[in-house]
Amino acid sequence: MSKAYQLPQPQLEGLIKQLVNIEEKKDVLINEFFSSPSRERENFENFINIYIKELEKLVQNAKTNSKNNQPPFVVIGSNVQVQDLEDDEVYNFKIISPYDEKKDASSASFLSPVGKSLLLKRIGDKVDIKTPAGTLQYVIKSIEFY
């Protein structure tokens, strides 16, 4: 039996809308960002399918009437607080869609190395993020869904 998750009604509705949107636009997204067959395209396609399955399970097992807006794992639309394991600095990232027009300095598309590495992770997970500048190591401190 799957664990039930508590989410406020507006957040649950937002996750349902996100799920429908991703399922409907998955092929367009894949073709736009990975136009030709490649290992990267195949990996992303597998990744997005896993994300869809996890989001489906979350939505199916969610209960409403809670003030807790903390999903069990990082989803698109999450504010994620991480701590750098090298220097103990704390950073905040907002995981967004590449189509999201509300971008700021803390925004990370789920297609970016940061966004992709954080998606589906849980509080306490250690995450290695490979960037052009090197590998960053973070631990997830908190997750909120806006």
C-alpha atoms as a PDB file:
ATOM      1  CA  MET A   1       0.000   0.000   0.000  1.00  0.00           C
ATOM      2  CA  SER A   2       1.329   3.458  -0.928  1.00  0.00           C
ATOM      3  CA  LYS A   3       1.854   6.194   1.616  1.00  0.00           C
ATOM      4  CA  ALA A   4      -0.740   8.991   1.697  1.00  0.00           C
ATOM      5  CA  TYR A   5       0.633  12.524   1.390  1.00  0.00           C
ATOM      6  CA  GLN A   6      -0.952  15.649   2.828  1.00  0.00           C
ATOM      7  CA  LEU A   7      -1.186  18.674   0.524  1.00  0.00           C
ATOM      8  CA  PRO A   8      -3.439  21.726   0.500  1.00  0.00           C
ATOM      9  CA  GLN A   9      -6.150  21.639  -2.177  1.00  0.00           C
ATOM     10  CA  PRO A  10      -4.561  24.410  -4.322  1.00  0.00           C
ATOM     11  CA  GLN A  11      -1.209  22.576  -4.439  1.00  0.00           C
ATOM     12  CA  LEU A  12      -2.867  19.273  -5.288  1.00  0.00           C
ATOM     13  CA  GLU A  13      -4.814  20.963  -8.081  1.00  0.00           C
ATOM     14  CA  GLY A  14      -1.557  22.524  -9.319  1.00  0.00           C
ATOM     15  CA  LEU A  15       0.138  19.123  -9.416  1.00  0.00           C
ATOM     16  CA  ILE A  16      -2.794  17.599 -11.312  1.00  0.00           C
ATOM     17  CA  LYS A  17      -2.667  20.449 -13.830  1.00  0.00           C
ATOM     18  CA  GLN A  18       1.101  20.002 -14.165  1.00  0.00           C
ATOM     19  CA  LEU A  19       0.700  16.260 -14.737  1.00  0.00           C
ATOM     20  CA  VAL A  20      -1.887  16.762 -17.477  1.00  0.00           C
ATOM     21  CA  ASN A  21       0.246  19.476 -19.086  1.00  0.00           C
ATOM     22  CA  ILE A  22       3.424  17.369 -19.111  1.00  0.00           C
ATOM     23  CA  GLU A  23       1.622  14.326 -20.472  1.00  0.00           C
ATOM     24  CA  GLU A  24       0.052  16.401 -23.259  1.00  0.00           C
ATOM     25  CA  LYS A  25       3.231  18.289 -24.199  1.00  0.00           C
ATOM     26  CA  LYS A  26       5.881  15.646 -23.537  1.00  0.00           C
ATOM     27  CA  ASP A  27       6.552  14.884 -27.199  1.00  0.00           C
ATOM     28  CA  VAL A  28       6.696  18.577 -28.141  1.00  0.00           C
ATOM     29  CA  LEU A  29       9.157  19.225 -25.299  1.00  0.00           C
ATOM     30  CA  ILE A  30      11.370  16.304 -26.297  1.00  0.00           C
ATOM     31  CA  ASN A  31      11.376  17.294 -29.979  1.00  0.00           C
ATOM     32  CA  GLU A  32      12.067  20.956 -29.225  1.00  0.00           C
ATOM     33  CA  PHE A  33      15.043  20.402 -26.933  1.00  0.00           C
ATOM     34  CA  PHE A  34      16.351  17.102 -28.352  1.00  0.00           C
ATOM     35  CA  SER A  35      15.521  17.318 -32.064  1.00  0.00           C
ATOM     36  CA  SER A  36      17.629  14.422 -33.313  1.00  0.00           C
ATOM     37  CA  PRO A  37      17.994  10.892 -32.007  1.00  0.00           C
ATOM     38  CA  SER A  38      20.770  10.693 -29.422  1.00  0.00           C
ATOM     39  CA  ARG A  39      21.697   9.108 -26.114  1.00  0.00           C
ATOM     40  CA  GLU A  40      20.866  12.435 -24.421  1.00  0.00           C
ATOM     41  CA  ARG A  41      17.362  12.410 -25.954  1.00  0.00           C
ATOM     42  CA  GLU A  42      16.797   8.813 -24.903  1.00  0.00           C
ATOM     43  CA  ASN A  43      17.982   9.559 -21.351  1.00  0.00           C
ATOM     44  CA  PHE A  44      15.707  12.588 -21.119  1.00  0.00           C
ATOM     45  CA  GLU A  45      12.741  10.636 -22.452  1.00  0.00           C
ATOM     46  CA  ASN A  46      13.298   7.975 -19.779  1.00  0.00           C
ATOM     47  CA  PHE A  47      13.718  10.671 -17.134  1.00  0.00           C
ATOM     48  CA  ILE A  48      10.482  12.488 -18.058  1.00  0.00           C
ATOM     49  CA  ASN A  49       8.574   9.191 -18.078  1.00  0.00           C
ATOM     50  CA  ILE A  50       9.860   8.402 -14.566  1.00  0.00           C
ATOM     51  CA  TYR A  51       8.855  11.903 -13.448  1.00  0.00           C
ATOM     52  CA  ILE A  52       5.339  11.414 -14.844  1.00  0.00           C
ATOM     53  CA  LYS A  53       4.961   8.060 -13.040  1.00  0.00           C
ATOM     54  CA  GLU A  54       6.143   9.522  -9.720  1.00  0.00           C
ATOM     55  CA  LEU A  55       3.838  12.522 -10.091  1.00  0.00           C
ATOM     56  CA  GLU A  56       0.909  10.190 -10.879  1.00  0.00           C
ATOM     57  CA  LYS A  57       1.595   8.212  -7.684  1.00  0.00           C
ATOM     58  CA  LEU A  58       1.827  11.415  -5.647  1.00  0.00           C
ATOM     59  CA  VAL A  59      -1.471  12.747  -7.011  1.00  0.00           C
ATOM     60  CA  GLN A  60      -3.245   9.411  -6.527  1.00  0.00           C
ATOM     61  CA  ASN A  61      -2.099   9.152  -2.914  1.00  0.00           C
ATOM     62  CA  ALA A  62      -2.537  12.782  -1.871  1.00  0.00           C
ATOM     63  CA  LYS A  63      -5.028  13.794   0.788  1.00  0.00           C
ATOM     64  CA  THR A  64      -6.233  17.373   1.076  1.00  0.00           C
ATOM     65  CA  ASN A  65      -7.092  19.787   3.902  1.00  0.00           C
ATOM     66  CA  SER A  66      -3.536  20.119   5.081  1.00  0.00           C
ATOM     67  CA  LYS A  67      -1.552  23.303   5.526  1.00  0.00           C
ATOM     68  CA  ASN A  68       1.619  21.381   4.658  1.00  0.00           C
ATOM     69  CA  ASN A  69       2.853  22.498   1.248  1.00  0.00           C
ATOM     70  CA  GLN A  70       5.871  20.234   1.375  1.00  0.00           C
ATOM     71  CA  PRO A  71       5.708  17.518  -1.268  1.00  0.00           C
ATOM     72  CA  PRO A  72       7.602  14.288  -0.511  1.00  0.00           C
ATOM     73  CA  PHE A  73      10.097  15.052  -3.275  1.00  0.00           C
ATOM     74  CA  VAL A  74      11.162  17.894  -5.554  1.00  0.00           C
ATOM     75  CA  VAL A  75       8.649  18.596  -8.317  1.00  0.00           C
ATOM     76  CA  ILE A  76       8.475  21.285 -10.972  1.00  0.00           C
ATOM     77  CA  GLY A  77       7.241  24.321  -9.078  1.00  0.00           C
ATOM     78  CA  SER A  78       9.226  23.552  -5.922  1.00  0.00           C
ATOM     79  CA  ASN A  79      11.353  25.939  -3.936  1.00  0.00           C
ATOM     80  CA  VAL A  80      14.328  23.871  -2.827  1.00  0.00           C
ATOM     81  CA  GLN A  81      16.807  24.874  -0.156  1.00  0.00           C
ATOM     82  CA  VAL A  82      20.171  23.131  -0.393  1.00  0.00           C
ATOM     83  CA  GLN A  83      23.388  23.308   1.580  1.00  0.00           C
ATOM     84  CA  ASP A  84      26.746  23.126  -0.183  1.00  0.00           C
ATOM     85  CA  LEU A  85      28.724  20.260   1.349  1.00  0.00           C
ATOM     86  CA  GLU A  86      32.047  21.972   0.622  1.00  0.00           C
ATOM     87  CA  ASP A  87      31.519  25.414   2.169  1.00  0.00           C
ATOM     88  CA  ASP A  88      28.199  25.011   4.081  1.00  0.00           C
ATOM     89  CA  GLU A  89      26.607  27.882   2.118  1.00  0.00           C
ATOM     90  CA  VAL A  90      22.826  27.640   1.744  1.00  0.00           C
ATOM     91  CA  TYR A  91      21.197  28.233  -1.643  1.00  0.00           C
ATOM     92  CA  ASN A  92      17.589  28.382  -2.782  1.00  0.00           C
ATOM     93  CA  PHE A  93      16.416  27.184  -6.180  1.00  0.00           C
ATOM     94  CA  LYS A  94      13.002  27.451  -7.766  1.00  0.00           C
ATOM     95  CA  ILE A  95      12.536  24.517 -10.171  1.00  0.00           C
ATOM     96  CA  ILE A  96      10.653  25.783 -13.210  1.00  0.00           C
ATOM     97  CA  SER A  97       9.574  24.757 -16.674  1.00  0.00           C
ATOM     98  CA  PRO A  98      11.747  26.056 -19.515  1.00  0.00           C
ATOM     99  CA  TYR A  99       8.595  27.884 -20.685  1.00  0.00           C
ATOM    100  CA  ASP A 100       8.040  29.639 -17.344  1.00  0.00           C
ATOM    101  CA  GLU A 101       8.105  33.400 -17.819  1.00  0.00           C
ATOM    102  CA  LYS A 102       8.570  34.114 -14.089  1.00  0.00           C
ATOM    103  CA  LYS A 103      12.355  33.660 -13.978  1.00  0.00           C
ATOM    104  CA  ASP A 104      14.725  35.194 -11.481  1.00  0.00           C
ATOM    105  CA  ALA A 105      18.253  34.563 -10.193  1.00  0.00           C
ATOM    106  CA  SER A 106      17.128  31.544  -8.156  1.00  0.00           C
ATOM    107  CA  SER A 107      15.252  29.884 -11.050  1.00  0.00           C
ATOM    108  CA  ALA A 108      16.511  26.597 -12.468  1.00  0.00           C
ATOM    109  CA  SER A 109      14.778  24.958 -15.416  1.00  0.00           C
ATOM    110  CA  PHE A 110      14.173  21.262 -14.880  1.00  0.00           C
ATOM    111  CA  LEU A 111      16.233  20.809 -18.068  1.00  0.00           C
ATOM    112  CA  SER A 112      19.298  22.494 -16.523  1.00  0.00           C
ATOM    113  CA  PRO A 113      21.962  20.486 -14.673  1.00  0.00           C
ATOM    114  CA  VAL A 114      20.739  21.893 -11.323  1.00  0.00           C
ATOM    115  CA  GLY A 115      17.028  21.388 -11.997  1.00  0.00           C
ATOM    116  CA  LYS A 116      17.403  17.926 -13.478  1.00  0.00           C
ATOM    117  CA  SER A 117      19.632  16.802 -10.591  1.00  0.00           C
ATOM    118  CA  LEU A 118      17.213  18.050  -7.918  1.00  0.00           C
ATOM    119  CA  LEU A 119      13.972  16.782  -9.490  1.00  0.00           C
ATOM    120  CA  LEU A 120      12.476  13.791  -7.588  1.00  0.00           C
ATOM    121  CA  LYS A 121      15.004  14.096  -4.735  1.00  0.00           C
ATOM    122  CA  ARG A 122      13.914  14.152  -1.073  1.00  0.00           C
ATOM    123  CA  ILE A 123      14.925  16.100   2.026  1.00  0.00           C
ATOM    124  CA  GLY A 124      18.245  14.769   3.272  1.00  0.00           C
ATOM    125  CA  ASP A 125      19.319  13.434  -0.123  1.00  0.00           C
ATOM    126  CA  LYS A 126      22.849  14.240  -1.218  1.00  0.00           C
ATOM    127  CA  VAL A 127      23.007  15.457  -4.794  1.00  0.00           C
ATOM    128  CA  ASP A 128      25.986  15.701  -7.136  1.00  0.00           C
ATOM    129  CA  ILE A 129      25.429  18.294  -9.841  1.00  0.00           C
ATOM    130  CA  LYS A 130      27.752  18.243 -12.815  1.00  0.00           C
ATOM    131  CA  THR A 131      28.147  21.753 -14.242  1.00  0.00           C
ATOM    132  CA  PRO A 132      30.608  23.234 -16.738  1.00  0.00           C
ATOM    133  CA  ALA A 133      32.463  24.712 -13.731  1.00  0.00           C
ATOM    134  CA  GLY A 134      32.771  21.325 -11.989  1.00  0.00           C
ATOM    135  CA  THR A 135      30.756  19.090  -9.712  1.00  0.00           C
ATOM    136  CA  LEU A 136      28.742  20.664  -6.916  1.00  0.00           C
ATOM    137  CA  GLN A 137      27.671  18.605  -3.918  1.00  0.00           C
ATOM    138  CA  TYR A 138      24.540  19.600  -2.045  1.00  0.00           C
ATOM    139  CA  VAL A 139      22.250  18.144   0.574  1.00  0.00           C
ATOM    140  CA  ILE A 140      18.550  19.013   0.344  1.00  0.00           C
ATOM    141  CA  LYS A 141      17.379  20.877   3.456  1.00  0.00           C
ATOM    142  CA  SER A 142      13.768  21.756   2.561  1.00  0.00           C
ATOM    143  CA  ILE A 143      11.193  21.552  -0.212  1.00  0.00           C
ATOM    144  CA  GLU A 144       8.080  23.681  -0.643  1.00  0.00           C
ATOM    145  CA  PHE A 145       5.616  23.668  -3.514  1.00  0.00           C
ATOM    146  CA  TYR A 146       4.354  27.102  -4.538  1.00  0.00           C
END
